[in-house]
């Protein structure tokens, strides 16, 4: 039961995010990849040609979660907060802890 509710919640959140992207039509999206960021960014980037700034979470110090790996190819600016993460994302810019 919980799994079904979680899936419906994810679908509803995704629809709401894409709805607001359509309404607001942002030039730039700044994200840490939380929630429904991947489909929202993909939609905004491909359909609306929005720029994407991704900030890798300060919690990711020695390994990457799936979200930054997926978003890296779509991000116009990819920021990491730890030098160690540059070994995983060599094109990223280390901005230090935010």
PDB file of N, CA and C in Angstrom:
ATOM      1  N   UNK A   1       0.821  -1.198   0.000  1.00  0.00           N
ATOM      2  CA  UNK A   1       0.000   0.000   0.000  1.00  0.00           C
ATOM      3  C   UNK A   1       0.861   1.256   0.000  1.00  0.00           C
ATOM      4  N   UNK A   2       1.900   1.275   0.865  1.00  0.00           N
ATOM      5  CA  UNK A   2       2.761   2.458   0.949  1.00  0.00           C
ATOM      6  C   UNK A   2       3.474   2.715  -0.377  1.00  0.00           C
ATOM      7  N   UNK A   3       3.911   1.646  -1.023  1.00  0.00           N
ATOM      8  CA  UNK A   3       4.613   1.774  -2.299  1.00  0.00           C
ATOM      9  C   UNK A   3       3.716   2.402  -3.358  1.00  0.00           C
ATOM     10  N   UNK A   4       2.465   1.994  -3.397  1.00  0.00           N
ATOM     11  CA  UNK A   4       1.514   2.541  -4.354  1.00  0.00           C
ATOM     12  C   UNK A   4       1.283   4.028  -4.093  1.00  0.00           C
ATOM     13  N   UNK A   5       1.132   4.403  -2.825  1.00  0.00           N
ATOM     14  CA  UNK A   5       0.954   5.817  -2.481  1.00  0.00           C
ATOM     15  C   UNK A   5       2.186   6.635  -2.842  1.00  0.00           C
ATOM     16  N   UNK A   6       3.350   6.067  -2.627  1.00  0.00           N
ATOM     17  CA  UNK A   6       4.593   6.761  -2.947  1.00  0.00           C
ATOM     18  C   UNK A   6       4.704   7.005  -4.455  1.00  0.00           C
ATOM     19  N   UNK A   7       4.332   6.022  -5.254  1.00  0.00           N
ATOM     20  CA  UNK A   7       4.374   6.174  -6.711  1.00  0.00           C
ATOM     21  C   UNK A   7       3.389   7.238  -7.174  1.00  0.00           C
ATOM     22  N   UNK A   8       2.176   7.238  -6.634  1.00  0.00           N
ATOM     23  CA  UNK A   8       1.194   8.256  -7.004  1.00  0.00           C
ATOM     24  C   UNK A   8       1.643   9.643  -6.580  1.00  0.00           C
ATOM     25  N   UNK A   9       2.255   9.729  -5.428  1.00  0.00           N
ATOM     26  CA  UNK A   9       2.771  11.015  -4.952  1.00  0.00           C
ATOM     27  C   UNK A   9       3.853  11.542  -5.894  1.00  0.00           C
ATOM     28  N   UNK A  10       4.727  10.662  -6.327  1.00  0.00           N
ATOM     29  CA  UNK A  10       5.783  11.050  -7.255  1.00  0.00           C
ATOM     30  C   UNK A  10       5.195  11.532  -8.580  1.00  0.00           C
ATOM     31  N   UNK A  11       4.215  10.834  -9.098  1.00  0.00           N
ATOM     32  CA  UNK A  11       3.570  11.217 -10.360  1.00  0.00           C
ATOM     33  C   UNK A  11       2.885  12.574 -10.225  1.00  0.00           C
ATOM     34  N   UNK A  12       2.158  12.772  -9.138  1.00  0.00           N
ATOM     35  CA  UNK A  12       1.461  14.047  -8.914  1.00  0.00           C
ATOM     36  C   UNK A  12       2.461  15.187  -8.768  1.00  0.00           C
ATOM     37  N   UNK A  13       3.539  14.962  -8.016  1.00  0.00           N
ATOM     38  CA  UNK A  13       4.565  16.001  -7.852  1.00  0.00           C
ATOM     39  C   UNK A  13       5.222  16.346  -9.177  1.00  0.00           C
ATOM     40  N   UNK A  14       5.463  15.358  -9.996  1.00  0.00           N
ATOM     41  CA  UNK A  14       6.068  15.584 -11.311  1.00  0.00           C
ATOM     42  C   UNK A  14       5.147  16.422 -12.194  1.00  0.00           C
ATOM     43  N   UNK A  15       3.880  16.087 -12.215  1.00  0.00           N
ATOM     44  CA  UNK A  15       2.910  16.847 -13.010  1.00  0.00           C
ATOM     45  C   UNK A  15       2.836  18.291 -12.524  1.00  0.00           C
ATOM     46  N   UNK A  16       2.813  18.484 -11.204  1.00  0.00           N
ATOM     47  CA  UNK A  16       2.768  19.838 -10.645  1.00  0.00           C
ATOM     48  C   UNK A  16       4.019  20.631 -11.025  1.00  0.00           C
ATOM     49  N   UNK A  17       5.184  20.002 -10.954  1.00  0.00           N
ATOM     50  CA  UNK A  17       6.434  20.693 -11.289  1.00  0.00           C
ATOM     51  C   UNK A  17       6.452  21.110 -12.753  1.00  0.00           C
ATOM     52  N   UNK A  18       6.059  20.213 -13.631  1.00  0.00           N
ATOM     53  CA  UNK A  18       6.032  20.539 -15.056  1.00  0.00           C
ATOM     54  C   UNK A  18       4.981  21.609 -15.348  1.00  0.00           C
ATOM     55  N   UNK A  19       3.848  21.561 -14.654  1.00  0.00           N
ATOM     56  CA  UNK A  19       2.813  22.592 -14.796  1.00  0.00           C
ATOM     57  C   UNK A  19       3.391  23.968 -14.461  1.00  0.00           C
ATOM     58  N   UNK A  20       4.107  24.068 -13.331  1.00  0.00           N
ATOM     59  CA  UNK A  20       4.667  25.355 -12.926  1.00  0.00           C
ATOM     60  C   UNK A  20       5.786  25.815 -13.846  1.00  0.00           C
ATOM     61  N   UNK A  21       6.537  24.885 -14.388  1.00  0.00           N
ATOM     62  CA  UNK A  21       7.562  25.257 -15.372  1.00  0.00           C
ATOM     63  C   UNK A  21       6.888  25.838 -16.616  1.00  0.00           C
ATOM     64  N   UNK A  22       5.789  25.247 -17.036  1.00  0.00           N
ATOM     65  CA  UNK A  22       5.054  25.776 -18.191  1.00  0.00           C
ATOM     66  C   UNK A  22       4.466  27.159 -17.911  1.00  0.00           C
ATOM     67  N   UNK A  23       3.934  27.335 -16.708  1.00  0.00           N
ATOM     68  CA  UNK A  23       3.324  28.618 -16.345  1.00  0.00           C
ATOM     69  C   UNK A  23       4.383  29.720 -16.225  1.00  0.00           C
ATOM     70  N   UNK A  24       5.454  29.454 -15.494  1.00  0.00           N
ATOM     71  CA  UNK A  24       6.463  30.471 -15.210  1.00  0.00           C
ATOM     72  C   UNK A  24       7.507  30.632 -16.317  1.00  0.00           C
ATOM     73  N   UNK A  25       7.743  29.587 -17.090  1.00  0.00           N
ATOM     74  CA  UNK A  25       8.724  29.588 -18.179  1.00  0.00           C
ATOM     75  C   UNK A  25      10.069  30.188 -17.745  1.00  0.00           C
ATOM     76  N   UNK A  26      10.741  29.542 -16.806  1.00  0.00           N
ATOM     77  CA  UNK A  26      11.989  30.108 -16.277  1.00  0.00           C
ATOM     78  C   UNK A  26      13.119  30.086 -17.308  1.00  0.00           C
ATOM     79  N   UNK A  27      13.963  31.117 -17.254  1.00  0.00           N
ATOM     80  CA  UNK A  27      15.156  31.156 -18.097  1.00  0.00           C
ATOM     81  C   UNK A  27      16.237  30.255 -17.514  1.00  0.00           C
ATOM     82  N   UNK A  28      16.252  30.167 -16.173  1.00  0.00           N
ATOM     83  CA  UNK A  28      17.270  29.388 -15.465  1.00  0.00           C
ATOM     84  C   UNK A  28      16.593  28.593 -14.353  1.00  0.00           C
ATOM     85  N   UNK A  29      17.031  27.344 -14.194  1.00  0.00           N
ATOM     86  CA  UNK A  29      16.588  26.516 -13.080  1.00  0.00           C
ATOM     87  C   UNK A  29      17.812  26.175 -12.247  1.00  0.00           C
ATOM     88  N   UNK A  30      17.748  26.450 -10.957  1.00  0.00           N
ATOM     89  CA  UNK A  30      18.820  26.107 -10.026  1.00  0.00           C
ATOM     90  C   UNK A  30      18.293  24.981  -9.152  1.00  0.00           C
ATOM     91  N   UNK A  31      19.022  23.869  -9.096  1.00  0.00           N
ATOM     92  CA  UNK A  31      18.524  22.714  -8.367  1.00  0.00           C
ATOM     93  C   UNK A  31      19.649  21.939  -7.699  1.00  0.00           C
ATOM     94  N   UNK A  32      19.268  21.190  -6.674  1.00  0.00           N
ATOM     95  CA  UNK A  32      20.178  20.228  -6.047  1.00  0.00           C
ATOM     96  C   UNK A  32      19.780  18.811  -6.433  1.00  0.00           C
ATOM     97  N   UNK A  33      18.755  18.684  -7.233  1.00  0.00           N
ATOM     98  CA  UNK A  33      18.329  17.379  -7.715  1.00  0.00           C
ATOM     99  C   UNK A  33      17.319  16.671  -6.844  1.00  0.00           C
ATOM    100  N   UNK A  34      16.786  17.355  -5.873  1.00  0.00           N
ATOM    101  CA  UNK A  34      15.835  16.715  -4.967  1.00  0.00           C
ATOM    102  C   UNK A  34      14.483  16.514  -5.637  1.00  0.00           C
ATOM    103  N   UNK A  35      13.765  15.510  -5.157  1.00  0.00           N
ATOM    104  CA  UNK A  35      12.398  15.283  -5.609  1.00  0.00           C
ATOM    105  C   UNK A  35      12.293  14.892  -7.066  1.00  0.00           C
ATOM    106  N   UNK A  36      11.502  15.626  -7.816  1.00  0.00           N
ATOM    107  CA  UNK A  36      11.238  15.297  -9.216  1.00  0.00           C
ATOM    108  C   UNK A  36      12.085  16.159 -10.156  1.00  0.00           C
ATOM    109  N   UNK A  37      13.304  16.459  -9.748  1.00  0.00           N
ATOM    110  CA  UNK A  37      14.170  17.341 -10.524  1.00  0.00           C
ATOM    111  C   UNK A  37      14.510  16.787 -11.902  1.00  0.00           C
ATOM    112  N   UNK A  38      14.782  15.506 -12.000  1.00  0.00           N
ATOM    113  CA  UNK A  38      15.240  14.946 -13.279  1.00  0.00           C
ATOM    114  C   UNK A  38      14.206  15.134 -14.391  1.00  0.00           C
ATOM    115  N   UNK A  39      12.956  14.694 -14.226  1.00  0.00           N
ATOM    116  CA  UNK A  39      12.008  14.918 -15.319  1.00  0.00           C
ATOM    117  C   UNK A  39      11.700  16.398 -15.550  1.00  0.00           C
ATOM    118  N   UNK A  40      11.683  17.187 -14.493  1.00  0.00           N
ATOM    119  CA  UNK A  40      11.407  18.612 -14.626  1.00  0.00           C
ATOM    120  C   UNK A  40      12.516  19.297 -15.412  1.00  0.00           C
ATOM    121  N   UNK A  41      13.767  18.993 -15.077  1.00  0.00           N
ATOM    122  CA  UNK A  41      14.901  19.590 -15.778  1.00  0.00           C
ATOM    123  C   UNK A  41      14.919  19.143 -17.235  1.00  0.00           C
ATOM    124  N   UNK A  42      14.711  17.868 -17.465  1.00  0.00           N
ATOM    125  CA  UNK A  42      14.698  17.360 -18.830  1.00  0.00           C
ATOM    126  C   UNK A  42      13.645  18.093 -19.665  1.00  0.00           C
ATOM    127  N   UNK A  43      12.455  18.238 -19.104  1.00  0.00           N
ATOM    128  CA  UNK A  43      11.361  18.923 -19.792  1.00  0.00           C
ATOM    129  C   UNK A  43      11.716  20.384 -20.063  1.00  0.00           C
ATOM    130  N   UNK A  44      12.171  21.097 -19.042  1.00  0.00           N
ATOM    131  CA  UNK A  44      12.478  22.522 -19.185  1.00  0.00           C
ATOM    132  C   UNK A  44      13.632  22.750 -20.158  1.00  0.00           C
ATOM    133  N   UNK A  45      14.617  21.883 -20.117  1.00  0.00           N
ATOM    134  CA  UNK A  45      15.783  22.023 -20.977  1.00  0.00           C
ATOM    135  C   UNK A  45      15.420  21.747 -22.439  1.00  0.00           C
ATOM    136  N   UNK A  46      14.714  20.673 -22.691  1.00  0.00           N
ATOM    137  CA  UNK A  46      14.409  20.269 -24.063  1.00  0.00           C
ATOM    138  C   UNK A  46      13.285  21.089 -24.695  1.00  0.00           C
ATOM    139  N   UNK A  47      12.245  21.382 -23.946  1.00  0.00           N
ATOM    140  CA  UNK A  47      11.083  22.070 -24.514  1.00  0.00           C
ATOM    141  C   UNK A  47      11.222  23.590 -24.437  1.00  0.00           C
ATOM    142  N   UNK A  48      11.629  24.108 -23.277  1.00  0.00           N
ATOM    143  CA  UNK A  48      11.668  25.558 -23.072  1.00  0.00           C
ATOM    144  C   UNK A  48      13.059  26.154 -23.253  1.00  0.00           C
ATOM    145  N   UNK A  49      14.064  25.316 -23.446  1.00  0.00           N
ATOM    146  CA  UNK A  49      15.454  25.762 -23.614  1.00  0.00           C
ATOM    147  C   UNK A  49      15.970  26.535 -22.399  1.00  0.00           C
ATOM    148  N   UNK A  50      15.511  26.176 -21.206  1.00  0.00           N
ATOM    149  CA  UNK A  50      15.977  26.805 -19.968  1.00  0.00           C
ATOM    150  C   UNK A  50      17.414  26.393 -19.687  1.00  0.00           C
ATOM    151  N   UNK A  51      18.154  27.262 -19.039  1.00  0.00           N
ATOM    152  CA  UNK A  51      19.497  26.940 -18.571  1.00  0.00           C
ATOM    153  C   UNK A  51      19.352  26.211 -17.236  1.00  0.00           C
ATOM    154  N   UNK A  52      20.289  25.312 -16.940  1.00  0.00           N
ATOM    155  CA  UNK A  52      20.228  24.531 -15.710  1.00  0.00           C
ATOM    156  C   UNK A  52      21.523  24.694 -14.936  1.00  0.00           C
ATOM    157  N   UNK A  53      21.398  25.096 -13.676  1.00  0.00           N
ATOM    158  CA  UNK A  53      22.526  25.158 -12.750  1.00  0.00           C
ATOM    159  C   UNK A  53      22.277  24.088 -11.696  1.00  0.00           C
ATOM    160  N   UNK A  54      23.198  23.140 -11.621  1.00  0.00           N
ATOM    161  CA  UNK A  54      23.057  22.047 -10.671  1.00  0.00           C
ATOM    162  C   UNK A  54      24.111  22.181  -9.588  1.00  0.00           C
ATOM    163  N   UNK A  55      23.688  22.097  -8.323  1.00  0.00           N
ATOM    164  CA  UNK A  55      24.591  22.139  -7.176  1.00  0.00           C
ATOM    165  C   UNK A  55      24.558  20.772  -6.520  1.00  0.00           C
ATOM    166  N   UNK A  56      25.676  20.056  -6.608  1.00  0.00           N
ATOM    167  CA  UNK A  56      25.747  18.733  -5.992  1.00  0.00           C
ATOM    168  C   UNK A  56      25.697  18.882  -4.477  1.00  0.00           C
ATOM    169  N   UNK A  57      24.925  18.061  -3.837  1.00  0.00           N
ATOM    170  CA  UNK A  57      24.684  18.144  -2.401  1.00  0.00           C
ATOM    171  C   UNK A  57      25.970  18.047  -1.590  1.00  0.00           C
ATOM    172  N   UNK A  58      26.012  18.787  -0.505  1.00  0.00           N
ATOM    173  CA  UNK A  58      27.160  18.721   0.410  1.00  0.00           C
ATOM    174  C   UNK A  58      27.245  17.362   1.084  1.00  0.00           C
ATOM    175  N   UNK A  59      26.163  16.600   1.061  1.00  0.00           N
ATOM    176  CA  UNK A  59      26.165  15.268   1.676  1.00  0.00           C
ATOM    177  C   UNK A  59      26.972  14.272   0.845  1.00  0.00           C
ATOM    178  N   UNK A  60      27.073  14.520  -0.476  1.00  0.00           N
ATOM    179  CA  UNK A  60      27.842  13.637  -1.351  1.00  0.00           C
ATOM    180  C   UNK A  60      29.305  14.064  -1.324  1.00  0.00           C
ATOM    181  N   UNK A  61      30.125  13.321  -0.600  1.00  0.00           N
ATOM    182  CA  UNK A  61      31.526  13.708  -0.440  1.00  0.00           C
ATOM    183  C   UNK A  61      32.465  12.799  -1.225  1.00  0.00           C
ATOM    184  N   UNK A  62      32.213  11.507  -1.212  1.00  0.00           N
ATOM    185  CA  UNK A  62      33.142  10.579  -1.857  1.00  0.00           C
ATOM    186  C   UNK A  62      32.519   9.767  -2.985  1.00  0.00           C
ATOM    187  N   UNK A  63      31.212   9.829  -3.128  1.00  0.00           N
ATOM    188  CA  UNK A  63      30.558   9.106  -4.212  1.00  0.00           C
ATOM    189  C   UNK A  63      29.356   9.915  -4.691  1.00  0.00           C
ATOM    190  N   UNK A  64      28.911   9.595  -5.880  1.00  0.00           N
ATOM    191  CA  UNK A  64      27.782  10.324  -6.451  1.00  0.00           C
ATOM    192  C   UNK A  64      26.517   9.483  -6.379  1.00  0.00           C
ATOM    193  N   UNK A  65      25.417  10.155  -6.103  1.00  0.00           N
ATOM    194  CA  UNK A  65      24.132   9.468  -6.204  1.00  0.00           C
ATOM    195  C   UNK A  65      23.738   9.438  -7.680  1.00  0.00           C
ATOM    196  N   UNK A  66      22.625   8.832  -7.996  1.00  0.00           N
ATOM    197  CA  UNK A  66      22.208   8.701  -9.392  1.00  0.00           C
ATOM    198  C   UNK A  66      21.800  10.030 -10.021  1.00  0.00           C
ATOM    199  N   UNK A  67      21.178  10.899  -9.252  1.00  0.00           N
ATOM    200  CA  UNK A  67      20.660  12.141  -9.812  1.00  0.00           C
ATOM    201  C   UNK A  67      21.740  12.999 -10.461  1.00  0.00           C
ATOM    202  N   UNK A  68      22.863  13.305  -9.788  1.00  0.00           N
ATOM    203  CA  UNK A  68      23.861  14.134 -10.473  1.00  0.00           C
ATOM    204  C   UNK A  68      24.459  13.468 -11.708  1.00  0.00           C
ATOM    205  N   UNK A  69      24.544  12.164 -11.708  1.00  0.00           N
ATOM    206  CA  UNK A  69      25.066  11.460 -12.887  1.00  0.00           C
ATOM    207  C   UNK A  69      24.120  11.667 -14.071  1.00  0.00           C
ATOM    208  N   UNK A  70      22.808  11.609 -13.821  1.00  0.00           N
ATOM    209  CA  UNK A  70      21.831  11.817 -14.887  1.00  0.00           C
ATOM    210  C   UNK A  70      21.790  13.275 -15.337  1.00  0.00           C
ATOM    211  N   UNK A  71      21.888  14.208 -14.384  1.00  0.00           N
ATOM    212  CA  UNK A  71      21.727  15.627 -14.694  1.00  0.00           C
ATOM    213  C   UNK A  71      22.985  16.245 -15.297  1.00  0.00           C
ATOM    214  N   UNK A  72      24.131  15.666 -15.050  1.00  0.00           N
ATOM    215  CA  UNK A  72      25.393  16.268 -15.497  1.00  0.00           C
ATOM    216  C   UNK A  72      25.377  16.627 -16.984  1.00  0.00           C
ATOM    217  N   UNK A  73      24.855  15.759 -17.823  1.00  0.00           N
ATOM    218  CA  UNK A  73      24.880  16.023 -19.262  1.00  0.00           C
ATOM    219  C   UNK A  73      23.900  17.117 -19.690  1.00  0.00           C
ATOM    220  N   UNK A  74      22.936  17.448 -18.855  1.00  0.00           N
ATOM    221  CA  UNK A  74      21.972  18.492 -19.182  1.00  0.00           C
ATOM    222  C   UNK A  74      22.297  19.841 -18.535  1.00  0.00           C
ATOM    223  N   UNK A  75      23.129  19.832 -17.514  1.00  0.00           N
ATOM    224  CA  UNK A  75      23.415  21.063 -16.771  1.00  0.00           C
ATOM    225  C   UNK A  75      24.327  21.991 -17.573  1.00  0.00           C
ATOM    226  N   UNK A  76      23.995  23.270 -17.554  1.00  0.00           N
ATOM    227  CA  UNK A  76      24.844  24.272 -18.185  1.00  0.00           C
ATOM    228  C   UNK A  76      25.982  24.665 -17.247  1.00  0.00           C
ATOM    229  N   UNK A  77      25.727  24.567 -15.957  1.00  0.00           N
ATOM    230  CA  UNK A  77      26.742  24.815 -14.932  1.00  0.00           C
ATOM    231  C   UNK A  77      26.572  23.749 -13.862  1.00  0.00           C
ATOM    232  N   UNK A  78      27.634  23.003 -13.605  1.00  0.00           N
ATOM    233  CA  UNK A  78      27.582  21.889 -12.661  1.00  0.00           C
ATOM    234  C   UNK A  78      28.565  22.192 -11.534  1.00  0.00           C
ATOM    235  N   UNK A  79      28.045  22.397 -10.334  1.00  0.00           N
ATOM    236  CA  UNK A  79      28.870  22.767  -9.190  1.00  0.00           C
ATOM    237  C   UNK A  79      28.956  21.628  -8.189  1.00  0.00           C
ATOM    238  N   UNK A  80      30.161  21.410  -7.670  1.00  0.00           N
ATOM    239  CA  UNK A  80      30.349  20.446  -6.585  1.00  0.00           C
ATOM    240  C   UNK A  80      30.906  21.216  -5.392  1.00  0.00           C
ATOM    241  N   UNK A  81      30.692  20.673  -4.208  1.00  0.00           N
ATOM    242  CA  UNK A  81      31.107  21.376  -3.001  1.00  0.00           C
ATOM    243  C   UNK A  81      32.367  20.800  -2.371  1.00  0.00           C
ATOM    244  N   UNK A  82      32.879  19.717  -2.943  1.00  0.00           N
ATOM    245  CA  UNK A  82      34.072  19.071  -2.411  1.00  0.00           C
ATOM    246  C   UNK A  82      35.036  18.772  -3.554  1.00  0.00           C
ATOM    247  N   UNK A  83      36.324  19.030  -3.367  1.00  0.00           N
ATOM    248  CA  UNK A  83      37.345  18.743  -4.383  1.00  0.00           C
ATOM    249  C   UNK A  83      37.342  17.267  -4.782  1.00  0.00           C
ATOM    250  N   UNK A  84      37.070  16.378  -3.821  1.00  0.00           N
ATOM    251  CA  UNK A  84      37.066  14.939  -4.105  1.00  0.00           C
ATOM    252  C   UNK A  84      36.067  14.571  -5.201  1.00  0.00           C
ATOM    253  N   UNK A  85      35.004  15.346  -5.327  1.00  0.00           N
ATOM    254  CA  UNK A  85      33.975  15.046  -6.319  1.00  0.00           C
ATOM    255  C   UNK A  85      34.436  15.363  -7.743  1.00  0.00           C
ATOM    256  N   UNK A  86      35.494  16.140  -7.886  1.00  0.00           N
ATOM    257  CA  UNK A  86      36.002  16.451  -9.227  1.00  0.00           C
ATOM    258  C   UNK A  86      36.599  15.224  -9.897  1.00  0.00           C
ATOM    259  N   UNK A  87      36.953  14.196  -9.115  1.00  0.00           N
ATOM    260  CA  UNK A  87      37.424  12.958  -9.741  1.00  0.00           C
ATOM    261  C   UNK A  87      36.268  12.237 -10.426  1.00  0.00           C
ATOM    262  N   UNK A  88      35.066  12.401  -9.900  1.00  0.00           N
ATOM    263  CA  UNK A  88      33.879  11.780 -10.494  1.00  0.00           C
ATOM    264  C   UNK A  88      33.304  12.661 -11.596  1.00  0.00           C
ATOM    265  N   UNK A  89      33.310  13.983 -11.367  1.00  0.00           N
ATOM    266  CA  UNK A  89      32.771  14.943 -12.327  1.00  0.00           C
ATOM    267  C   UNK A  89      33.881  15.924 -12.727  1.00  0.00           C
ATOM    268  N   UNK A  90      34.767  15.535 -13.637  1.00  0.00           N
ATOM    269  CA  UNK A  90      35.933  16.363 -13.963  1.00  0.00           C
ATOM    270  C   UNK A  90      35.600  17.726 -14.576  1.00  0.00           C
ATOM    271  N   UNK A  91      34.439  17.868 -15.193  1.00  0.00           N
ATOM    272  CA  UNK A  91      34.058  19.147 -15.793  1.00  0.00           C
ATOM    273  C   UNK A  91      33.341  20.076 -14.815  1.00  0.00           C
ATOM    274  N   UNK A  92      33.136  19.608 -13.588  1.00  0.00           N
ATOM    275  CA  UNK A  92      32.435  20.409 -12.592  1.00  0.00           C
ATOM    276  C   UNK A  92      33.348  21.521 -12.067  1.00  0.00           C
ATOM    277  N   UNK A  93      32.714  22.501 -11.480  1.00  0.00           N
ATOM    278  CA  UNK A  93      33.427  23.595 -10.810  1.00  0.00           C
ATOM    279  C   UNK A  93      33.247  23.399  -9.310  1.00  0.00           C
ATOM    280  N   UNK A  94      34.368  23.388  -8.585  1.00  0.00           N
ATOM    281  CA  UNK A  94      34.300  23.260  -7.128  1.00  0.00           C
ATOM    282  C   UNK A  94      34.072  24.653  -6.553  1.00  0.00           C
ATOM    283  N   UNK A  95      32.943  24.827  -5.900  1.00  0.00           N
ATOM    284  CA  UNK A  95      32.580  26.134  -5.347  1.00  0.00           C
ATOM    285  C   UNK A  95      32.736  26.189  -3.840  1.00  0.00           C
ATOM    286  N   UNK A  96      33.115  25.071  -3.228  1.00  0.00           N
ATOM    287  CA  UNK A  96      33.209  25.017  -1.776  1.00  0.00           C
ATOM    288  C   UNK A  96      31.823  24.809  -1.169  1.00  0.00           C
ATOM    289  N   UNK A  97      31.785  24.652   0.125  1.00  0.00           N
ATOM    290  CA  UNK A  97      30.525  24.385   0.806  1.00  0.00           C
ATOM    291  C   UNK A  97      29.668  25.638   0.796  1.00  0.00           C
ATOM    292  N   UNK A  98      28.428  25.461   0.379  1.00  0.00           N
ATOM    293  CA  UNK A  98      27.486  26.594   0.335  1.00  0.00           C
ATOM    294  C   UNK A  98      26.643  26.644   1.574  1.00  0.00           C
TER     295      UNK A  98
END
